[in-house]
Protein backbone atom coordinates (compact mmCIF):
# COMPACT_ATOMS: atom_id res chain seq x y z
CA MET A 1 -0.03 0.08 -0.11
CA ALA A 2 0.61 3.84 -1.11
CA ARG A 3 1.87 5.49 2.06
CA LYS A 4 -0.42 7.97 1.53
CA ASP A 5 -3.42 5.04 0.71
CA TRP A 6 -2.10 4.15 4.96
CA ILE A 7 -1.65 7.66 6.37
CA ALA A 8 -5.86 7.90 4.79
CA ASN A 9 -6.70 5.00 6.35
CA GLU A 10 -5.05 5.45 9.73
CA ARG A 11 -7.54 8.39 9.73
CA LEU A 12 -10.60 6.60 8.94
CA PRO A 13 -12.64 6.71 11.72
CA LYS A 14 -13.32 3.37 13.87
CA ALA A 15 -16.59 1.75 15.26
CA LYS A 16 -17.02 0.87 18.12
CA LEU A 17 -17.78 -3.57 17.99
CA THR A 18 -20.98 -3.48 18.77
CA GLY A 19 -23.87 -6.37 18.02
CA GLU A 20 -25.48 -3.38 15.90
CA SER A 21 -22.42 -2.64 14.17
CA PHE A 22 -21.28 -6.01 13.78
CA LYS A 23 -25.02 -6.83 11.76
CA LYS A 24 -23.88 -3.92 9.98
CA ALA A 25 -20.71 -4.81 8.70
CA PHE A 26 -22.03 -8.88 8.39
CA ARG A 27 -23.80 -7.47 4.99
CA ILE A 28 -20.41 -7.08 3.05
CA TRP A 29 -20.62 -11.33 2.97
CA SER A 30 -23.02 -10.79 0.50
CA TYR A 31 -20.12 -10.57 -1.65
CA PHE A 32 -18.54 -13.37 -1.10
CA LYS A 33 -20.98 -15.92 -1.10
CA PRO A 34 -19.91 -16.39 -4.77
CA TYR A 35 -16.96 -17.34 -3.67
CA LYS A 36 -17.52 -18.28 -0.04
CA THR A 37 -15.89 -22.18 -0.94
CA ARG A 38 -12.62 -20.68 -1.96
CA TYR A 39 -12.89 -18.71 0.87
CA PHE A 40 -13.03 -21.99 3.63
CA ILE A 41 -10.76 -23.59 1.67
CA GLY A 42 -8.45 -20.82 2.60
CA LEU A 43 -9.62 -20.87 5.90
CA PHE A 44 -8.03 -24.44 6.50
CA PHE A 45 -4.67 -23.48 4.58
CA LEU A 46 -4.63 -20.93 7.34
CA LEU A 47 -5.37 -23.07 10.56
CA LEU A 48 -2.98 -25.76 8.89
CA THR A 49 -0.39 -22.67 8.52
CA SER A 50 -1.40 -21.59 12.59
CA GLY A 51 -0.78 -25.48 13.87
CA THR A 52 2.48 -25.97 12.00
CA ALA A 53 3.98 -22.53 13.74
CA LEU A 54 3.21 -23.94 16.95
CA LEU A 55 4.95 -26.81 16.56
CA PHE A 56 7.87 -24.74 15.30
CA PRO A 57 9.28 -24.01 18.57
CA MET A 58 8.85 -27.76 20.31
CA LEU A 59 10.57 -29.14 17.57
CA MET A 60 13.13 -26.23 18.16
CA GLY A 61 13.49 -27.63 21.41
CA ASP A 62 13.37 -30.96 20.93
CA LEU A 63 16.59 -30.03 18.43
CA VAL A 64 18.75 -28.23 20.86
CA ASP A 65 18.04 -31.29 22.98
CA SER A 66 19.35 -33.35 21.03
CA GLY A 67 22.69 -31.67 20.31
CA THR A 68 22.93 -31.56 24.19
CA ASN A 69 22.47 -35.01 24.71
CA LYS A 70 25.09 -35.43 21.59
CA ASP A 71 22.93 -37.54 19.83
CA LEU A 72 23.85 -37.24 16.04
CA ASP A 73 20.61 -39.68 14.32
CA ALA A 74 18.42 -37.45 16.62
CA ILE A 75 19.75 -34.18 15.52
CA ASN A 76 19.54 -34.51 11.99
CA LYS A 77 15.86 -36.56 12.65
CA VAL A 78 14.86 -33.16 13.95
CA ALA A 79 16.70 -31.35 11.88
CA GLY A 80 14.98 -33.04 9.10
CA TRP A 81 10.97 -32.59 10.15
CA LEU A 82 12.44 -29.01 11.27
CA PHE A 83 12.93 -28.72 6.92
CA ILE A 84 9.83 -30.88 6.23
CA LEU A 85 7.95 -28.08 8.87
CA LEU A 86 8.73 -25.23 7.21
CA LEU A 87 8.03 -26.62 3.34
CA LEU A 88 4.70 -27.54 4.63
CA GLN A 89 4.18 -24.42 6.38
CA SER A 90 5.14 -21.82 3.14
CA ILE A 91 2.67 -23.72 1.06
CA PHE A 92 -0.03 -23.97 3.05
CA SER A 93 0.91 -20.14 3.67
CA PHE A 94 0.74 -19.74 -0.65
CA PHE A 95 -2.64 -21.01 -1.06
CA ARG A 96 -3.91 -18.68 1.84
CA ILE A 97 -2.44 -16.12 0.51
CA TYR A 98 -3.61 -16.91 -3.02
CA LEU A 99 -7.12 -18.43 -2.22
CA PHE A 100 -8.38 -15.14 -0.12
CA VAL A 101 -6.94 -13.15 -2.39
CA GLN A 102 -8.74 -14.21 -5.38
CA VAL A 103 -12.01 -13.89 -3.21
CA VAL A 104 -11.28 -10.43 -1.62
CA GLU A 105 -10.70 -9.20 -4.83
CA ASN A 106 -13.41 -10.04 -7.04
CA SER A 107 -16.03 -9.30 -4.05
CA LEU A 108 -14.63 -6.27 -3.52
CA ALA A 109 -14.81 -5.57 -6.98
CA ASP A 110 -18.17 -6.77 -7.49
CA LEU A 111 -18.88 -4.27 -4.37
CA ARG A 112 -16.46 -1.60 -6.10
CA LYS A 113 -18.99 -1.99 -9.38
CA GLU A 114 -22.53 -1.98 -7.78
CA LEU A 115 -21.10 1.20 -5.44
CA TYR A 116 -20.25 3.05 -8.74
CA SER A 117 -23.46 1.81 -10.19
CA HIS A 118 -25.57 3.00 -7.30
CA LEU A 119 -23.98 6.65 -6.86
CA VAL A 120 -24.70 7.55 -10.53
CA ARG A 121 -28.17 6.70 -10.52
CA LEU A 122 -28.87 8.14 -7.56
CA PRO A 123 -30.69 11.81 -8.07
CA MET A 124 -28.72 15.42 -8.33
CA LEU A 125 -30.15 16.04 -4.05
CA PHE A 126 -27.33 13.32 -2.93
CA PHE A 127 -24.40 15.13 -4.95
CA SER A 128 -25.77 18.61 -3.28
CA GLN A 129 -25.51 17.11 -0.11
CA HIS A 130 -22.33 15.44 -0.28
CA ARG A 131 -18.74 17.19 -1.79
CA VAL A 132 -16.89 15.24 -4.46
CA GLY A 133 -13.94 14.30 -2.59
CA GLU A 134 -16.04 12.78 0.32
CA LEU A 135 -17.12 10.51 -2.06
CA ASN A 136 -14.31 9.68 -4.05
CA SER A 137 -13.16 8.51 -0.22
CA ARG A 138 -15.99 6.26 0.29
CA VAL A 139 -14.61 4.03 -3.23
CA SER A 140 -10.90 4.32 -3.02
CA SER A 141 -9.95 5.08 0.45
CA ASP A 142 -12.98 2.88 2.19
CA VAL A 143 -12.76 -0.36 -0.18
CA SER A 144 -9.65 0.13 -0.04
CA LEU A 145 -9.34 -0.73 3.97
CA LEU A 146 -11.72 -3.48 3.46
CA THR A 147 -9.07 -5.73 0.40
CA GLU A 148 -6.10 -4.95 3.36
CA THR A 149 -8.63 -6.08 6.23
CA PHE A 150 -10.09 -8.95 4.03
CA THR A 151 -6.72 -10.20 2.73
CA THR A 152 -4.28 -9.58 5.31
CA SER A 153 -5.69 -8.32 8.93
CA ILE A 154 -8.72 -10.51 9.89
CA ALA A 155 -6.37 -13.87 8.17
CA GLU A 156 -3.53 -12.26 10.30
CA PHE A 157 -5.69 -11.83 13.33
CA ILE A 158 -7.17 -15.07 13.30
CA ARG A 159 -3.81 -16.49 13.33
CA GLN A 160 -2.31 -13.83 16.00
CA PHE A 161 -4.55 -15.03 18.40
CA ILE A 162 -4.52 -18.91 17.57
CA LEU A 163 -0.77 -18.72 18.41
CA ILE A 164 -1.77 -16.90 21.49
CA VAL A 165 -4.27 -19.53 22.78
CA GLY A 166 -2.00 -22.12 21.22
CA GLY A 167 1.56 -20.95 22.87
CA ILE A 168 -0.15 -20.17 26.17
CA ILE A 169 -1.48 -23.58 26.29
CA PHE A 170 2.17 -25.19 25.73
CA LEU A 171 3.48 -23.24 27.23
CA SER A 172 1.48 -24.63 30.54
CA LEU A 173 2.15 -28.06 29.50
CA ILE A 174 5.96 -26.96 30.04
CA SER A 175 6.02 -24.55 32.91
CA PRO A 176 2.89 -23.82 35.09
CA LYS A 177 4.75 -21.45 36.44
CA LEU A 178 6.89 -20.10 34.24
CA THR A 179 3.89 -19.62 32.42
CA LEU A 180 2.66 -17.55 35.50
CA VAL A 181 5.53 -15.42 35.66
CA MET A 182 5.38 -15.07 31.33
CA LEU A 183 1.69 -14.00 31.98
CA CYS A 184 2.45 -11.46 34.31
CA ILE A 185 5.28 -9.72 32.82
CA VAL A 186 5.39 -9.69 28.93
CA PRO A 187 1.87 -8.98 27.60
CA VAL A 188 1.96 -5.56 30.12
CA VAL A 189 4.84 -4.54 28.69
CA ALA A 190 3.48 -5.47 24.74
CA VAL A 191 0.59 -3.66 25.88
CA LEU A 192 2.89 -0.17 26.74
CA ALA A 193 4.76 -0.99 24.03
CA ILE A 194 1.42 -0.33 22.02
CA VAL A 195 0.77 2.28 23.69
CA PHE A 196 4.05 4.20 22.68
CA GLY A 197 3.92 3.07 19.25
CA ARG A 198 0.54 4.85 18.81
CA LYS A 199 1.50 7.91 20.58
CA ILE A 200 4.59 7.74 18.00
CA ARG A 201 2.59 7.37 14.86
CA LYS A 202 0.21 10.15 16.64
CA ILE A 203 2.94 12.60 16.41
CA SER A 204 4.30 11.40 12.89
CA ARG A 205 1.20 12.07 11.58
CA GLU A 206 0.92 15.87 12.47
CA THR A 207 4.52 16.41 11.80
CA GLN A 208 3.44 15.01 8.25
CA ASP A 209 0.60 17.53 8.52
CA LYS A 210 2.95 20.19 9.38
CA VAL A 211 5.02 19.74 6.30
CA ALA A 212 2.20 19.24 3.96
CA GLU A 213 1.13 23.02 5.06
CA SER A 214 4.62 24.56 4.30
CA ASN A 215 4.58 22.72 1.21
CA THR A 216 1.07 24.62 0.28
CA ILE A 217 3.18 27.88 1.35
CA VAL A 218 5.78 27.36 -1.08
CA GLU A 219 3.51 26.55 -3.98
CA GLU A 220 0.45 29.35 -3.13
CA THR A 221 4.05 32.07 -3.11
CA MET A 222 5.21 30.19 -6.08
CA GLN A 223 1.99 30.75 -8.12
CA GLY A 224 1.01 34.14 -6.83
CA ILE A 225 4.43 35.21 -7.19
CA ALA A 226 3.50 37.86 -9.18
CA SER A 227 1.17 39.19 -6.95
CA VAL A 228 3.19 38.62 -3.56
CA LYS A 229 6.20 41.09 -5.59
CA ALA A 230 3.27 43.79 -6.69
CA PHE A 231 2.34 44.21 -3.59
CA ALA A 232 5.67 43.89 -1.87
CA ASN A 233 5.10 40.99 0.30
CA GLU A 234 8.78 39.12 -0.44
CA MET A 235 9.10 39.62 3.61
CA TYR A 236 5.48 38.42 4.72
CA GLU A 237 5.99 34.91 2.26
CA ILE A 238 9.38 34.46 4.61
CA LEU A 239 7.31 35.27 7.34
CA ARG A 240 4.83 32.90 6.84
CA TYR A 241 6.88 30.33 5.73
CA ARG A 242 9.20 30.10 9.07
CA LYS A 243 6.16 30.72 11.52
CA SER A 244 5.35 27.18 9.33
CA MET A 245 9.02 25.51 9.67
CA ALA A 246 9.08 25.96 13.15
CA GLU A 247 6.04 24.40 13.85
CA VAL A 248 7.23 21.48 11.78
CA VAL A 249 10.37 21.62 14.67
CA ARG A 250 8.27 21.59 17.13
CA ASN A 251 6.40 19.16 15.81
CA ALA A 252 9.75 16.44 14.92
CA MET A 253 10.97 17.34 18.52
CA ARG A 254 8.59 16.16 20.45
CA GLY A 255 8.82 12.98 17.88
CA ALA A 256 12.29 13.23 19.31
CA VAL A 257 11.36 12.78 22.12
CA ALA A 258 8.49 9.94 22.61
CA ARG A 259 11.11 7.81 20.09
CA GLY A 260 13.91 8.39 22.57
CA PHE A 261 11.67 6.89 25.34
CA PHE A 262 10.39 4.59 23.08
CA ALA A 263 14.65 3.14 23.06
CA SER A 264 15.11 3.49 26.10
CA PHE A 265 11.87 1.68 26.92
CA ILE A 266 12.43 -1.24 24.07
CA ILE A 267 15.54 -1.93 25.87
CA LEU A 268 14.84 -1.88 29.78
CA CYS A 269 11.82 -3.54 30.09
CA LEU A 270 10.99 -5.85 26.81
CA PHE A 271 14.02 -7.20 26.63
CA GLY A 272 14.55 -7.05 30.83
CA SER A 273 11.48 -9.17 30.95
CA ILE A 274 12.75 -11.52 28.47
CA VAL A 275 15.77 -11.76 30.78
CA MET A 276 13.46 -12.11 34.02
CA VAL A 277 11.91 -14.91 32.11
CA ILE A 278 14.66 -16.76 31.24
CA TRP A 279 16.66 -15.71 34.44
CA PHE A 280 13.39 -17.52 36.01
CA GLY A 281 13.85 -19.94 34.04
CA MET A 282 17.67 -21.12 34.14
CA MET A 283 16.69 -21.38 38.14
CA GLU A 284 14.25 -23.81 37.20
CA VAL A 285 16.81 -25.90 35.09
CA ARG A 286 19.11 -25.33 37.78
CA SER A 287 16.62 -26.93 40.12
CA GLY A 288 16.59 -29.84 37.88
CA GLU A 289 12.57 -28.87 37.76
CA LEU A 290 13.56 -27.57 33.37
CA LYS A 291 15.67 -29.22 31.25
CA ILE A 292 17.87 -27.15 28.38
CA GLY A 293 15.32 -28.21 25.44
CA PRO A 294 12.26 -27.04 27.17
CA MET A 295 13.81 -23.91 28.10
CA PHE A 296 14.49 -23.44 24.87
CA THR A 297 10.56 -23.86 23.34
CA PHE A 298 9.05 -21.82 25.99
CA ILE A 299 11.27 -18.61 25.10
CA LEU A 300 10.02 -19.04 21.57
CA TYR A 301 6.71 -19.75 22.66
CA SER A 302 6.58 -16.38 25.11
CA VAL A 303 8.01 -14.61 22.19
CA PHE A 304 5.46 -16.01 19.56
CA VAL A 305 2.72 -15.34 22.57
CA GLY A 306 4.33 -11.41 23.06
CA ALA A 307 4.65 -10.61 19.42
CA SER A 308 1.41 -11.74 19.13
CA ILE A 309 -0.18 -9.66 21.80
CA GLY A 310 1.51 -6.97 20.67
CA GLY A 311 0.12 -7.74 16.60
CA ILE A 312 -3.59 -8.64 17.27
CA ALA A 313 -4.30 -4.34 18.96
CA GLU A 314 -3.30 -3.23 15.73
CA LEU A 315 -4.97 -5.69 13.73
CA TYR A 316 -7.90 -5.53 15.97
CA ALA A 317 -8.03 -1.73 15.33
CA THR A 318 -7.72 -2.24 11.92
CA ILE A 319 -11.08 -3.99 11.53
CA GLN A 320 -12.32 -1.43 13.73
CA ARG A 321 -11.99 1.39 10.83
CA ALA A 322 -12.92 -1.49 8.28
CA ILE A 323 -16.31 -2.18 9.70
CA GLY A 324 -16.36 1.61 9.78
CA ALA A 325 -16.02 1.41 6.53
CA THR A 326 -18.19 -0.90 5.44
CA GLU A 327 -21.11 1.01 7.88
CA ARG A 328 -20.25 4.12 5.15
CA ILE A 329 -20.36 2.26 1.93
CA PHE A 330 -23.67 0.66 3.22
CA GLU A 331 -25.26 4.31 4.07
CA ILE A 332 -24.57 5.01 0.30
CA LEU A 333 -25.93 1.98 -1.24
CA ASP A 334 -29.22 1.91 1.76
CA GLU A 335 -29.90 5.19 -0.58
CA LYS A 336 -33.04 5.46 -3.34
CA THR A 337 -31.70 6.27 -6.90
CA GLU A 338 -32.94 7.07 -9.36
CA PHE A 339 -34.49 4.67 -12.40
CA VAL A 340 -32.82 4.88 -15.21
CA LYS A 341 -33.00 2.44 -17.97
CA ASP A 342 -29.65 1.56 -20.12
CA ASP A 343 -30.87 1.67 -23.35
CA ARG A 344 -31.98 4.95 -25.03
CA MET A 345 -33.98 3.45 -27.86
CA SER A 346 -36.16 0.59 -25.71
CA LYS A 347 -39.16 0.34 -26.38
CA GLU A 348 -40.67 2.52 -24.47
CA TYR A 349 -39.02 5.59 -25.84
CA LYS A 350 -40.59 7.69 -27.07
CA ARG A 351 -40.20 11.26 -28.86
CA PHE A 352 -41.23 14.31 -27.56
CA ASN A 353 -43.43 16.80 -29.71
CA GLY A 354 -41.62 19.64 -27.77
CA ASP A 355 -44.66 21.28 -26.27
CA VAL A 356 -43.94 22.73 -22.67
CA GLU A 357 -46.08 23.84 -19.59
CA PHE A 358 -44.46 25.12 -16.62
CA ARG A 359 -47.73 25.37 -14.26
CA ASN A 360 -47.97 27.28 -10.93
CA VAL A 361 -44.38 26.55 -9.82
CA ALA A 362 -42.97 26.91 -7.00
CA PHE A 363 -39.63 25.18 -5.32
CA THR A 364 -37.04 25.26 -2.99
CA TYR A 365 -33.72 23.39 -2.74
CA PRO A 366 -33.92 21.03 0.41
CA SER A 367 -30.98 21.96 1.52
CA ARG A 368 -32.42 25.51 1.53
CA LYS A 369 -35.74 25.67 2.68
CA GLU A 370 -35.69 28.91 4.51
CA ILE A 371 -35.04 30.08 0.58
CA THR A 372 -38.10 30.07 -1.87
CA VAL A 373 -35.95 29.86 -5.67
CA LEU A 374 -39.24 29.87 -7.89
CA ASN A 375 -42.40 31.07 -6.39
CA ASP A 376 -46.17 31.07 -8.65
CA VAL A 377 -44.34 30.41 -11.91
CA SER A 378 -46.26 29.50 -15.31
CA LEU A 379 -45.60 29.39 -18.87
CA VAL A 380 -45.72 27.56 -21.74
CA ALA A 381 -43.59 26.76 -24.71
CA LYS A 382 -44.98 25.26 -27.91
CA LYS A 383 -42.70 23.04 -30.18
CA GLY A 384 -40.16 25.08 -31.95
CA GLN A 385 -40.47 28.29 -29.91
CA THR A 386 -37.33 29.55 -28.38
CA ILE A 387 -37.87 31.12 -24.48
CA ALA A 388 -35.02 33.02 -22.64
CA ILE A 389 -34.73 33.04 -19.70
CA VAL A 390 -32.89 36.30 -18.14
CA GLY A 391 -32.81 37.75 -14.79
CA PRO A 392 -30.77 38.88 -12.02
CA SER A 393 -27.81 35.86 -10.20
CA GLY A 394 -30.15 33.86 -7.91
CA SER A 395 -33.58 34.98 -9.38
CA GLY A 396 -34.25 30.96 -10.07
CA LYS A 397 -33.08 30.13 -14.21
CA THR A 398 -30.77 28.04 -13.26
CA THR A 399 -33.45 25.80 -11.37
CA MET A 400 -35.57 25.82 -14.55
CA VAL A 401 -33.67 23.62 -16.44
CA GLN A 402 -33.09 21.56 -13.62
CA LEU A 403 -36.93 21.47 -12.94
CA LEU A 404 -37.10 20.39 -16.66
CA LEU A 405 -34.53 17.68 -16.79
CA ARG A 406 -35.90 16.19 -13.47
CA PHE A 407 -32.89 16.97 -11.43
CA TYR A 408 -35.28 18.14 -8.43
CA ASP A 409 -39.50 17.83 -8.48
CA PRO A 410 -41.47 20.94 -7.86
CA ASP A 411 -42.73 21.49 -4.01
CA SER A 412 -45.75 22.45 -5.70
CA GLY A 413 -47.46 22.71 -9.44
CA ASN A 414 -46.33 20.89 -12.44
CA VAL A 415 -43.60 20.99 -15.39
CA LEU A 416 -46.02 19.50 -18.00
CA ILE A 417 -44.24 17.99 -21.35
CA ASP A 418 -46.48 17.28 -24.51
CA GLY A 419 -49.96 18.30 -21.69
CA THR A 420 -48.37 15.30 -19.73
CA ASP A 421 -46.68 15.74 -15.95
CA ALA A 422 -43.13 15.00 -16.31
CA SER A 423 -42.69 13.54 -13.40
CA THR A 424 -44.70 10.06 -15.85
CA TYR A 425 -41.93 9.73 -17.87
CA PRO A 426 -38.78 7.08 -16.90
CA LEU A 427 -36.10 9.09 -16.77
CA ASN A 428 -34.74 7.77 -19.82
CA VAL A 429 -37.01 8.84 -21.88
CA LEU A 430 -37.36 12.32 -20.29
CA ARG A 431 -33.40 13.23 -20.58
CA ASN A 432 -33.04 10.83 -24.23
CA ASN A 433 -35.56 13.60 -25.48
CA MET A 434 -32.92 17.20 -24.11
CA ALA A 435 -29.86 17.78 -24.42
CA VAL A 436 -28.30 20.63 -22.74
CA VAL A 437 -25.49 23.12 -23.87
CA PRO A 438 -23.80 24.74 -20.17
CA GLN A 439 -21.09 27.56 -19.79
CA ASP A 440 -18.58 25.39 -18.23
CA VAL A 441 -18.76 22.72 -20.47
CA LEU A 442 -16.93 18.94 -18.76
CA LEU A 443 -15.45 17.35 -20.81
CA PHE A 444 -13.92 13.37 -20.26
CA GLY A 445 -10.18 13.16 -20.08
CA GLY A 446 -10.31 10.90 -23.96
CA THR A 447 -10.68 11.94 -27.14
CA ILE A 448 -12.59 14.46 -29.29
CA ARG A 449 -14.51 11.87 -30.97
CA GLU A 450 -15.57 9.95 -27.54
CA ASN A 451 -16.73 13.21 -26.72
CA ILE A 452 -18.71 13.71 -29.16
CA ALA A 453 -20.09 10.79 -28.79
CA TYR A 454 -21.25 10.65 -26.11
CA GLY A 455 -24.06 12.52 -26.98
CA LYS A 456 -24.53 8.96 -28.79
CA PRO A 457 -22.69 5.65 -27.81
CA ASP A 458 -23.13 4.21 -30.63
CA ALA A 459 -22.93 6.78 -34.11
CA ASP A 460 -21.04 5.98 -36.63
CA GLU A 461 -18.01 7.68 -38.15
CA ASN A 462 -20.39 9.81 -40.34
CA GLU A 463 -22.76 11.16 -38.30
CA ILE A 464 -19.75 12.32 -35.73
CA LEU A 465 -18.77 14.47 -38.59
CA ASP A 466 -22.00 15.40 -39.06
CA ALA A 467 -22.39 16.65 -36.38
CA ALA A 468 -19.02 18.02 -35.88
CA ALA A 469 -19.71 19.82 -39.21
CA LYS A 470 -23.13 21.55 -37.92
CA ALA A 471 -21.66 22.46 -34.79
CA ASN A 472 -18.79 24.77 -36.40
CA ALA A 473 -15.80 22.65 -35.35
CA MET A 474 -14.24 20.79 -37.66
CA GLU A 475 -12.64 24.27 -38.44
CA PHE A 476 -10.45 22.93 -35.43
CA ILE A 477 -10.33 19.37 -35.15
CA ASN A 478 -8.60 19.76 -38.53
CA ILE A 479 -6.39 21.77 -37.43
CA PHE A 480 -5.20 18.47 -35.21
CA PRO A 481 -2.80 16.12 -36.63
CA GLU A 482 -4.86 13.31 -34.90
CA LYS A 483 -8.50 14.75 -35.34
CA LEU A 484 -10.92 12.56 -33.97
CA GLU A 485 -8.75 11.10 -31.84
CA THR A 486 -6.80 14.16 -30.85
CA ILE A 487 -7.32 13.93 -26.47
CA VAL A 488 -9.06 16.69 -25.28
CA GLY A 489 -6.93 16.54 -21.55
CA GLU A 490 -8.39 16.25 -18.42
CA ARG A 491 -11.49 18.31 -18.30
CA GLY A 492 -10.66 18.77 -21.58
CA VAL A 493 -7.68 21.39 -20.71
CA LYS A 494 -6.12 20.84 -24.17
CA LEU A 495 -9.05 23.55 -25.69
CA SER A 496 -10.00 26.29 -25.62
CA GLY A 497 -13.64 27.69 -24.26
CA GLY A 498 -14.73 27.86 -27.45
CA GLN A 499 -13.23 24.72 -29.05
CA ARG A 500 -15.16 23.02 -25.24
CA GLN A 501 -18.40 24.68 -26.20
CA ARG A 502 -18.37 23.54 -29.99
CA ILE A 503 -17.22 20.21 -29.12
CA ALA A 504 -20.35 20.17 -26.75
CA ILE A 505 -23.02 21.00 -29.18
CA ALA A 506 -21.91 18.85 -31.89
CA ARG A 507 -22.56 16.10 -28.27
CA ALA A 508 -26.51 17.95 -28.43
CA VAL A 509 -26.54 17.75 -32.57
CA LEU A 510 -25.69 13.99 -31.97
CA LYS A 511 -28.22 13.52 -29.24
CA ASP A 512 -30.84 15.08 -31.86
CA PRO A 513 -33.60 16.51 -28.89
CA SER A 514 -37.29 17.49 -28.69
CA ILE A 515 -35.50 20.02 -26.35
CA LEU A 516 -32.90 22.05 -25.65
CA LEU A 517 -31.54 23.46 -22.54
CA LEU A 518 -28.79 26.72 -23.01
CA ASP A 519 -27.56 27.78 -19.62
CA GLU A 520 -25.06 30.77 -20.38
CA ALA A 521 -23.65 28.94 -23.42
CA THR A 522 -21.54 32.28 -24.45
CA SER A 523 -21.47 34.22 -21.63
CA SER A 524 -17.64 33.78 -21.30
CA LEU A 525 -16.25 33.54 -25.13
CA ASP A 526 -14.39 36.37 -26.61
CA SER A 527 -16.13 37.81 -29.91
CA GLU A 528 -14.99 35.49 -31.85
CA SER A 529 -15.49 32.59 -29.93
CA GLU A 530 -18.75 33.61 -29.70
CA ARG A 531 -19.62 34.22 -32.97
CA LEU A 532 -18.56 30.45 -34.00
CA VAL A 533 -20.61 29.33 -30.86
CA GLN A 534 -24.07 31.42 -31.76
CA GLU A 535 -23.97 30.49 -35.30
CA ALA A 536 -23.35 26.94 -33.98
CA LEU A 537 -26.78 27.34 -31.76
CA ASP A 538 -28.75 29.43 -34.16
CA LYS A 539 -28.25 25.58 -36.65
CA LEU A 540 -29.30 23.66 -33.71
CA MET A 541 -32.43 25.37 -32.77
CA VAL A 542 -34.08 24.89 -35.73
CA GLY A 543 -37.00 23.11 -35.00
CA ARG A 544 -36.93 22.07 -31.35
CA THR A 545 -38.30 24.28 -28.22
CA SER A 546 -35.34 25.78 -27.00
CA PHE A 547 -34.72 27.41 -23.70
CA VAL A 548 -32.11 29.52 -23.22
CA ILE A 549 -30.57 31.05 -20.25
CA ALA A 550 -29.50 34.42 -21.15
CA HIS A 551 -26.74 36.70 -19.80
CA ARG A 552 -25.61 38.73 -22.91
CA LEU A 553 -29.40 40.04 -23.19
CA SER A 554 -27.91 40.97 -27.49
CA THR A 555 -27.52 36.88 -28.00
CA ILE A 556 -32.11 36.53 -27.29
CA ARG A 557 -33.36 39.68 -29.14
CA ASN A 558 -34.95 36.95 -32.49
CA ALA A 559 -36.12 34.75 -29.05
CA ASP A 560 -40.14 34.48 -29.50
CA LYS A 561 -40.56 34.70 -25.60
CA ILE A 562 -38.37 35.77 -22.89
CA LEU A 563 -39.20 35.86 -19.57
CA VAL A 564 -37.85 38.24 -16.98
CA LEU A 565 -37.25 36.79 -13.73
CA ASP A 566 -36.46 38.70 -10.04
CA LYS A 567 -36.18 36.76 -6.87
CA GLY A 568 -38.41 33.69 -8.33
CA HIS A 569 -41.69 35.39 -9.55
CA ILE A 570 -41.65 36.31 -13.53
CA LYS A 571 -41.70 39.81 -13.49
CA GLU A 572 -42.22 39.98 -17.06
CA THR A 573 -43.10 38.35 -20.58
CA GLY A 574 -42.63 39.60 -24.23
CA THR A 575 -40.12 39.64 -27.43
CA HIS A 576 -37.68 41.98 -27.12
CA GLU A 577 -39.35 44.98 -28.28
CA GLU A 578 -42.50 44.94 -26.37
CA LEU A 579 -39.96 44.53 -23.23
CA MET A 580 -38.01 47.52 -24.60
CA ARG A 581 -41.37 49.58 -24.84
CA LYS A 582 -42.53 48.97 -20.34
CA GLU A 583 -40.61 52.30 -19.24
CA GLN A 584 -40.01 51.10 -15.68
CA GLY A 585 -39.61 47.40 -17.01
CA LEU A 586 -36.86 45.33 -16.04
CA TYR A 587 -35.56 44.21 -18.84
CA ARG A 588 -35.62 47.25 -20.24
CA SER A 589 -32.80 48.30 -17.94
CA LEU A 590 -30.48 45.62 -17.75
CA SER A 591 -30.45 45.76 -22.00
CA LEU A 592 -29.63 49.66 -21.13
CA LEU A 593 -27.38 48.90 -18.84
CA GLN A 594 -25.36 46.05 -20.88
CA PHE A 595 -25.49 48.59 -23.63
CA GLU A 596 -24.13 51.57 -21.51
CA ILE A 597 -21.68 49.16 -19.96
CA ALA A 598 -20.68 47.90 -23.70
């Protein structure tokens, strides 16, 4: 596991191990059921591995006894058995690890696929209430922790538990008195070592955080060096960095003190406890109650038990985090999804005529119930009409588009398409009849071809080229040596804003929607890009019902109807000429203001 992933997993919250938490976590077993036979075979090999490990100290004691007695045949015989034992243990370990990894990777791949499929089907309300980073953490860090837990931690936990119980039983058979002494000393020291170790790791993480903060200062300063110099703030940044480095050093020194104490503790207490057990054992040897071979076996079992006690506590903490991760994963899987069919051209597919009506629609966002975004909004749009929606920021323009797409449903009133309530249509039918060209176009990191074909994944070459031509995109596509195979980069960073817009238009052309939604599609472009994009949009809008959210009012003068929204109410409705004749009208004020600015 990469170090940053290990750190992320260390910081995941732990779940309290209660009956309820185990009940929730046990749901993960449903993903293991298809592979349960192999998993149980893996557990069988785990038991064999633990059993052979417990036999190792006993044979080592026999080897020492054989050496003490100078019995060459016995020495060779025991050594032979030891090599056979090690061979068996290595074989058992291989199959145990191979089977566990095979089962867990397949099971958690199924979980990942279901989790991702579930996520993309969740409604927009869910995404408005959760950060992308948090969701990504659940898909990556939480599932990765489960992978580590089921492939390694649980198996090791069982193995260490068997070694502790089996080791104590064998110790008791060798010397009950010496076992009591060992149990009074070694486990206590092992637990104290765990506490020290956790403290050191915590300080180490804090130091890493401070180093990361100092690196952020360097990054911000270098990125904004022009601003730093323009404001003559070089000394301010130097002092800020010095302060950050002082905190790094302070934390590092805390860590050094803790590590120093830990080293002293290991030397004095841990090794001291071993010396004490050996001293007591040698007293038993001197008195004739114990032989050298069993004494050697006892020491090895003591080391096994001590190491297992130390290791099992960390494994227990990992399992706690895994149960917490399982609960968080199932929180997502328990969310109710939207019903979206995969097949665009299914028998249910119906092409809309394109008549749209908002009838007394009111809406508030679930996360901001106190703010009414739309209030008693009514409008009628006939097939092929262009409806422009204008108004100040926050007036509810984009919300109307989101209601059309059924990202949300109205609190009251109805959105009708072709005279039927939009909520009665299957979502795949509704959304496949619409296409959106947003202000900020998100392109996926593949090729231009793949991004255009996103509007119709089964489109052929001619359809893609035709869509690109209608979107005025071939002009720049032909400049690239790779043409349609040009990689656009993450989020389309290798293309300009105007080029990204034309790819989005080509995507919409290919989809061939009945209803077109343009959300300020030209507001952030330069004049030349705006001209090319607007030409493409004009061609795309022909014969379709179009809703245009406009920032630049000059682009909507030819709209069939202009709605002026203000604080969720429709203040004015009409054509450009009609609205400009209203002396005190909001549209006229906005238009004149833009004209003066221009």
